[in-house]
Structure formats: structure tokens, C-alpha cells
Amino acid sequence: MKIKRLFIAMSFSSLIFISGCDKEKPLPASSPDPTSMFGVDRNINIMTIDNYLGRSDVAYRDMRMLFDPADYVFIGGNPDLDATIKGFKIVPYPFLASLSELPVKGAYKGNTLYTLTWDSFGNIETATANYDESLMILEDLFPKDKVIFLMCGGGGYAGMTKALLIKLGWDESKLYNIGGNWAYQGKNSYEIIKYAENPNEHNIFATWRADYAYIDFSKLHKK
């Protein structure tokens, strides 16, 4: 009987230990860098993101378009989403809301879920839904019960997304701008475009690999 009780006690202790090991460690508090133009987080950013991947309490979002018409080559970027980070879902910001002024030409000017206006300081003044489904889409793509890591090419679209969500009532403490994938040098890159190594080969645009949030504006109901 004593042996049986000892075995049960040891088993119970083991379950507690395993449960404790499986519990995810608390994240550092959201802390935008005041020296960053886009408010990139000081603790969780493109240099440290590999330490925070695969968490069940985080929604990972890449805010770039697959093929952006804006001339990001002009500032040393890439308008084509050639790679993302494993676990990130692609949700293009230009489809979510009207763009503030960009430092490049050719910005997207098509349909958006929201139309924004800004005050004299560049802060969002109004966010008007253009479709009955606009808020539903954002609530599905940016779950309020999770922390949300926002990434783009250089940090701009991620910053715009964060500002939009805060304006619409999301908890600011759960939103992290982790910066731009163009500077990513980690071990979890996920290739979308395979560039040809010689002139006789073609680039391969493996868009089927992308976890992409497709918004069909023709099926939405205008307000």
C-alpha cells in the first residue's frame, strides 16, 4: 500500500513539473523605442523575434503586400514579399486602411476596409468603415484575446496597423511592432520568391506557400 501511495505521489509531482515546464514564459512588456521612427519595440523586434516564435498566446502578422506597387527599391527595400518568417500570416495593411504619406511613389490606391483622416500631428483622427464586414474582418485577423506581433518590410506598415487597431479599441499593451523583415538574419526565414541564379533560369514566385489573408472586396457590402 505504501509503495502504491508513493507511486501516485511521484506521478502527481511529475504531472505538476511537466505542466510547469509547458507553461509559456511571460513576454516582456510592450516598449516602443522612442528613437524609432515607427515605434519598433525595444525588446521584441526583428533581431530577437526567433526567441518568441511558436507561442500559442501570440498572433503573428506580416503586414506587407505580396507585390507592392510602391517603389520601395528607391529606399533600398523590396516591394515584392520574397520571404517572411515561419508562423507569420500575411495580412496586407494597404487593404485595411488608407495610407498616410509614404516616402516613395506608386503607393496602393485601391479598396480599403477603412478610410482614415489624420490630425496635424499625423495621428489618426477618424477611422470610417467602408463595408459592413470591416470590423468583423479585423476582429478575425487580429484576435483581441492574444498578443499580436506586427511585422512588415521596414516597420512602417506594422506601425500603421498598430495605430489603426488602437484607434478601433484594441489593447495597446498587446500590440508589438517588431520592425522590418528586410533586416531579418535569423534562422526561421520562409522563402516565397526563389530568385534565379543565372540568366537562363526563371524566378519562382511560390505564392502558394504564403499563409495569406485574402479579402475579396467584390463580395463585401458597402456602407
Protein backbone atom coordinates (compact mmCIF):
# COMPACT_ATOMS: atom_id res chain seq x y z
CA MET A 1 0.00 0.00 0.00
CA LYS A 2 2.84 2.40 0.90
CA ILE A 3 4.54 1.67 -2.42
CA LYS A 4 1.29 2.37 -4.29
CA ARG A 5 0.81 5.68 -2.47
CA LEU A 6 4.43 6.63 -3.17
CA PHE A 7 3.95 5.87 -6.86
CA ILE A 8 0.79 8.00 -7.02
CA ALA A 9 2.53 10.87 -5.24
CA MET A 10 5.52 10.70 -7.59
CA SER A 11 3.25 10.58 -10.63
CA PHE A 12 1.30 13.62 -9.38
CA SER A 13 4.53 15.52 -8.79
CA SER A 14 5.72 14.65 -12.27
CA LEU A 15 2.49 15.98 -13.80
CA ILE A 16 2.92 19.25 -11.92
CA PHE A 17 6.52 19.51 -13.11
CA ILE A 18 5.61 18.81 -16.74
CA SER A 19 2.74 21.29 -16.61
CA GLY A 20 5.08 23.92 -15.21
CA CYS A 21 7.64 23.29 -17.95
CA ASP A 22 5.00 23.56 -20.68
CA LYS A 23 3.75 26.94 -19.47
CA GLU A 24 4.99 29.77 -21.70
CA LYS A 25 7.12 32.40 -20.04
CA PRO A 26 5.60 35.89 -19.73
CA LEU A 27 6.52 38.23 -22.57
CA PRO A 28 8.43 41.45 -21.93
CA ALA A 29 6.00 44.36 -21.75
CA SER A 30 5.41 46.25 -24.97
CA SER A 31 8.02 49.02 -25.04
CA PRO A 32 8.20 51.12 -28.22
CA ASP A 33 11.63 52.59 -28.82
CA PRO A 34 11.26 56.41 -28.67
CA THR A 35 14.14 56.77 -31.13
CA SER A 36 12.42 54.57 -33.73
CA MET A 37 10.53 56.38 -36.47
CA PHE A 38 7.83 53.68 -36.40
CA GLY A 39 7.86 52.78 -32.71
CA VAL A 40 9.57 49.42 -33.09
CA ASP A 41 9.67 47.54 -29.80
CA ARG A 42 12.89 47.67 -27.79
CA ASN A 43 12.64 44.09 -26.51
CA ILE A 44 10.80 42.05 -29.14
CA ASN A 45 11.96 43.06 -32.58
CA ILE A 46 13.41 41.66 -35.78
CA MET A 47 16.73 40.95 -34.02
CA THR A 48 15.14 38.95 -31.18
CA ILE A 49 12.00 37.51 -32.77
CA ASP A 50 13.45 33.99 -33.06
CA ASN A 51 13.25 33.77 -29.27
CA TYR A 52 9.48 34.35 -29.34
CA LEU A 53 8.21 32.17 -32.20
CA GLY A 54 5.70 29.35 -31.91
CA ARG A 55 3.77 30.71 -28.95
CA SER A 56 0.08 29.84 -28.57
CA ASP A 57 -0.66 33.20 -26.94
CA VAL A 58 0.63 35.25 -29.91
CA ALA A 59 -0.84 36.02 -33.34
CA TYR A 60 1.95 36.64 -35.85
CA ARG A 61 1.16 39.05 -38.70
CA ASP A 62 3.20 40.21 -41.71
CA MET A 63 1.58 43.41 -43.00
CA ARG A 64 3.13 43.50 -46.48
CA MET A 65 1.51 43.02 -49.86
CA LEU A 66 2.77 40.10 -51.91
CA PHE A 67 3.65 42.54 -54.69
CA ASP A 68 3.52 46.16 -53.58
CA PRO A 69 3.18 48.80 -56.34
CA ALA A 70 5.08 51.33 -54.19
CA ASP A 71 8.68 51.94 -55.28
CA TYR A 72 10.44 50.60 -52.18
CA VAL A 73 13.53 49.86 -54.25
CA PHE A 74 14.12 53.63 -54.15
CA ILE A 75 14.83 53.44 -50.40
CA GLY A 76 16.72 50.15 -50.54
CA GLY A 77 13.76 47.88 -49.85
CA ASN A 78 11.94 45.22 -51.83
CA PRO A 79 8.33 45.76 -52.97
CA ASP A 80 7.98 42.00 -53.51
CA LEU A 81 7.48 39.80 -50.46
CA ASP A 82 10.35 37.42 -51.18
CA ALA A 83 10.41 35.87 -47.71
CA THR A 84 8.58 36.02 -44.41
CA ILE A 85 9.20 34.34 -41.04
CA LYS A 86 7.76 30.93 -40.22
CA GLY A 87 4.44 31.25 -38.43
CA PHE A 88 3.54 34.70 -39.75
CA LYS A 89 0.24 35.19 -41.58
CA ILE A 90 0.31 37.77 -44.37
CA VAL A 91 -2.35 40.46 -43.92
CA PRO A 92 -1.54 43.42 -46.22
CA TYR A 93 -2.04 46.72 -44.43
CA PRO A 94 -2.83 48.68 -47.64
CA PHE A 95 -6.06 46.66 -47.89
CA LEU A 96 -7.02 47.51 -44.31
CA ALA A 97 -6.95 51.31 -44.34
CA SER A 98 -5.98 54.31 -46.42
CA LEU A 99 -2.28 55.01 -46.36
CA SER A 100 -0.65 58.02 -44.80
CA GLU A 101 2.03 59.70 -46.90
CA LEU A 102 4.83 57.33 -47.90
CA PRO A 103 8.45 58.23 -48.69
CA VAL A 104 8.12 56.54 -52.10
CA LYS A 105 5.96 56.86 -55.20
CA GLY A 106 3.39 54.43 -56.55
CA ALA A 107 1.53 53.59 -53.33
CA TYR A 108 -1.57 51.40 -53.49
CA LYS A 109 -4.76 53.41 -54.05
CA GLY A 110 -7.40 50.69 -54.30
CA ASN A 111 -10.17 49.49 -52.00
CA THR A 112 -9.69 49.52 -48.23
CA LEU A 113 -11.74 48.37 -45.25
CA TYR A 114 -11.39 51.79 -43.59
CA THR A 115 -10.90 55.37 -44.68
CA LEU A 116 -8.69 57.38 -42.33
CA THR A 117 -8.12 61.05 -41.64
CA TRP A 118 -5.23 62.45 -39.62
CA ASP A 119 -4.71 65.42 -37.35
CA SER A 120 -1.91 67.97 -37.76
CA PHE A 121 0.45 65.74 -35.74
CA GLY A 122 -0.06 62.74 -38.02
CA ASN A 123 -2.25 60.82 -35.56
CA ILE A 124 -5.40 59.08 -36.77
CA GLU A 125 -8.34 61.42 -36.24
CA THR A 126 -11.14 59.33 -37.75
CA ALA A 127 -11.43 55.73 -38.95
CA THR A 128 -14.57 55.17 -41.02
CA ALA A 129 -15.60 51.66 -42.03
CA ASN A 130 -16.28 51.32 -45.75
CA TYR A 131 -18.02 47.93 -45.50
CA ASP A 132 -20.43 46.21 -43.14
CA GLU A 133 -17.85 43.46 -42.63
CA SER A 134 -14.86 45.75 -41.95
CA LEU A 135 -14.73 45.32 -38.17
CA MET A 136 -15.55 41.61 -38.36
CA ILE A 137 -12.57 41.06 -40.64
CA LEU A 138 -10.20 42.87 -38.29
CA GLU A 139 -11.52 41.00 -35.26
CA ASP A 140 -10.97 37.70 -37.06
CA LEU A 141 -7.48 38.56 -38.26
CA PHE A 142 -6.30 40.31 -35.09
CA PRO A 143 -7.80 38.35 -32.18
CA LYS A 144 -8.21 40.56 -29.12
CA ASP A 145 -7.53 37.70 -26.72
CA LYS A 146 -3.95 37.32 -27.99
CA VAL A 147 -0.80 39.36 -28.12
CA ILE A 148 -0.15 40.46 -31.70
CA PHE A 149 3.30 40.75 -33.29
CA LEU A 150 3.25 43.05 -36.32
CA MET A 151 5.98 42.96 -38.96
CA CYS A 152 6.45 44.42 -42.44
CA GLY A 153 9.41 45.34 -44.65
CA GLY A 154 10.82 48.35 -42.83
CA GLY A 155 8.43 48.91 -39.92
CA GLY A 156 6.02 51.41 -41.46
CA TYR A 157 3.03 49.23 -42.31
CA ALA A 158 3.36 47.50 -38.94
CA GLY A 159 3.29 50.87 -37.20
CA MET A 160 0.25 51.96 -39.21
CA THR A 161 -1.56 48.74 -38.32
CA LYS A 162 -0.83 49.23 -34.64
CA ALA A 163 -2.17 52.79 -34.75
CA LEU A 164 -5.33 51.65 -36.55
CA LEU A 165 -6.05 48.87 -34.07
CA ILE A 166 -5.51 51.17 -31.10
CA LYS A 167 -7.89 53.71 -32.64
CA LEU A 168 -10.52 50.97 -33.02
CA GLY A 169 -10.25 49.82 -29.42
CA TRP A 170 -7.56 47.13 -29.29
CA ASP A 171 -5.44 46.90 -26.14
CA GLU A 172 -2.23 48.80 -26.87
CA SER A 173 -0.26 46.67 -24.39
CA LYS A 174 -0.90 43.59 -26.54
CA LEU A 175 0.41 45.14 -29.77
CA TYR A 176 4.09 44.91 -30.71
CA ASN A 177 5.69 46.46 -33.78
CA ILE A 178 8.65 44.11 -34.24
CA GLY A 179 10.02 46.04 -37.21
CA GLY A 180 11.12 45.17 -40.71
CA ASN A 181 11.81 41.79 -42.29
CA TRP A 182 14.31 43.38 -44.68
CA ALA A 183 16.80 43.30 -41.78
CA TYR A 184 15.99 39.78 -40.60
CA GLN A 185 19.02 37.48 -40.23
CA GLY A 186 17.52 34.74 -38.07
CA LYS A 187 17.09 31.04 -38.68
CA ASN A 188 13.36 30.92 -39.47
CA SER A 189 13.09 32.67 -42.82
CA TYR A 190 10.39 31.25 -45.10
CA GLU A 191 11.09 31.74 -48.81
CA ILE A 192 8.27 32.92 -51.07
CA ILE A 193 10.32 34.00 -54.10
CA LYS A 194 13.27 31.95 -55.31
CA TYR A 195 15.47 34.14 -57.44
CA ALA A 196 17.22 32.67 -60.45
CA GLU A 197 20.93 32.13 -60.03
CA ASN A 198 21.75 32.61 -63.71
CA PRO A 199 20.18 34.41 -66.70
CA ASN A 200 18.88 31.18 -68.24
CA GLU A 201 16.59 30.44 -65.29
CA HIS A 202 13.33 31.98 -64.17
CA ASN A 203 12.43 33.41 -60.80
CA ILE A 204 9.97 31.18 -58.99
CA PHE A 205 7.11 33.03 -57.32
CA ALA A 206 5.92 30.43 -54.81
CA THR A 207 2.87 32.37 -53.66
CA TRP A 208 1.13 29.10 -52.75
CA ARG A 209 3.48 28.85 -49.77
CA ALA A 210 2.14 32.04 -48.22
CA ASP A 211 -0.37 31.92 -45.38
CA TYR A 212 -2.30 34.79 -46.92
CA ALA A 213 -5.47 36.56 -45.76
CA TYR A 214 -7.40 37.09 -48.99
CA ILE A 215 -10.01 39.86 -48.87
CA ASP A 216 -12.42 39.84 -51.83
CA PHE A 217 -13.80 43.37 -51.83
CA SER A 218 -16.33 42.50 -54.55
CA LYS A 219 -18.10 40.21 -52.07
CA LEU A 220 -18.29 42.77 -49.25
CA HIS A 221 -21.26 45.06 -48.60
CA LYS A 222 -20.57 48.79 -48.87
CA LYS A 223 -21.99 51.06 -46.21
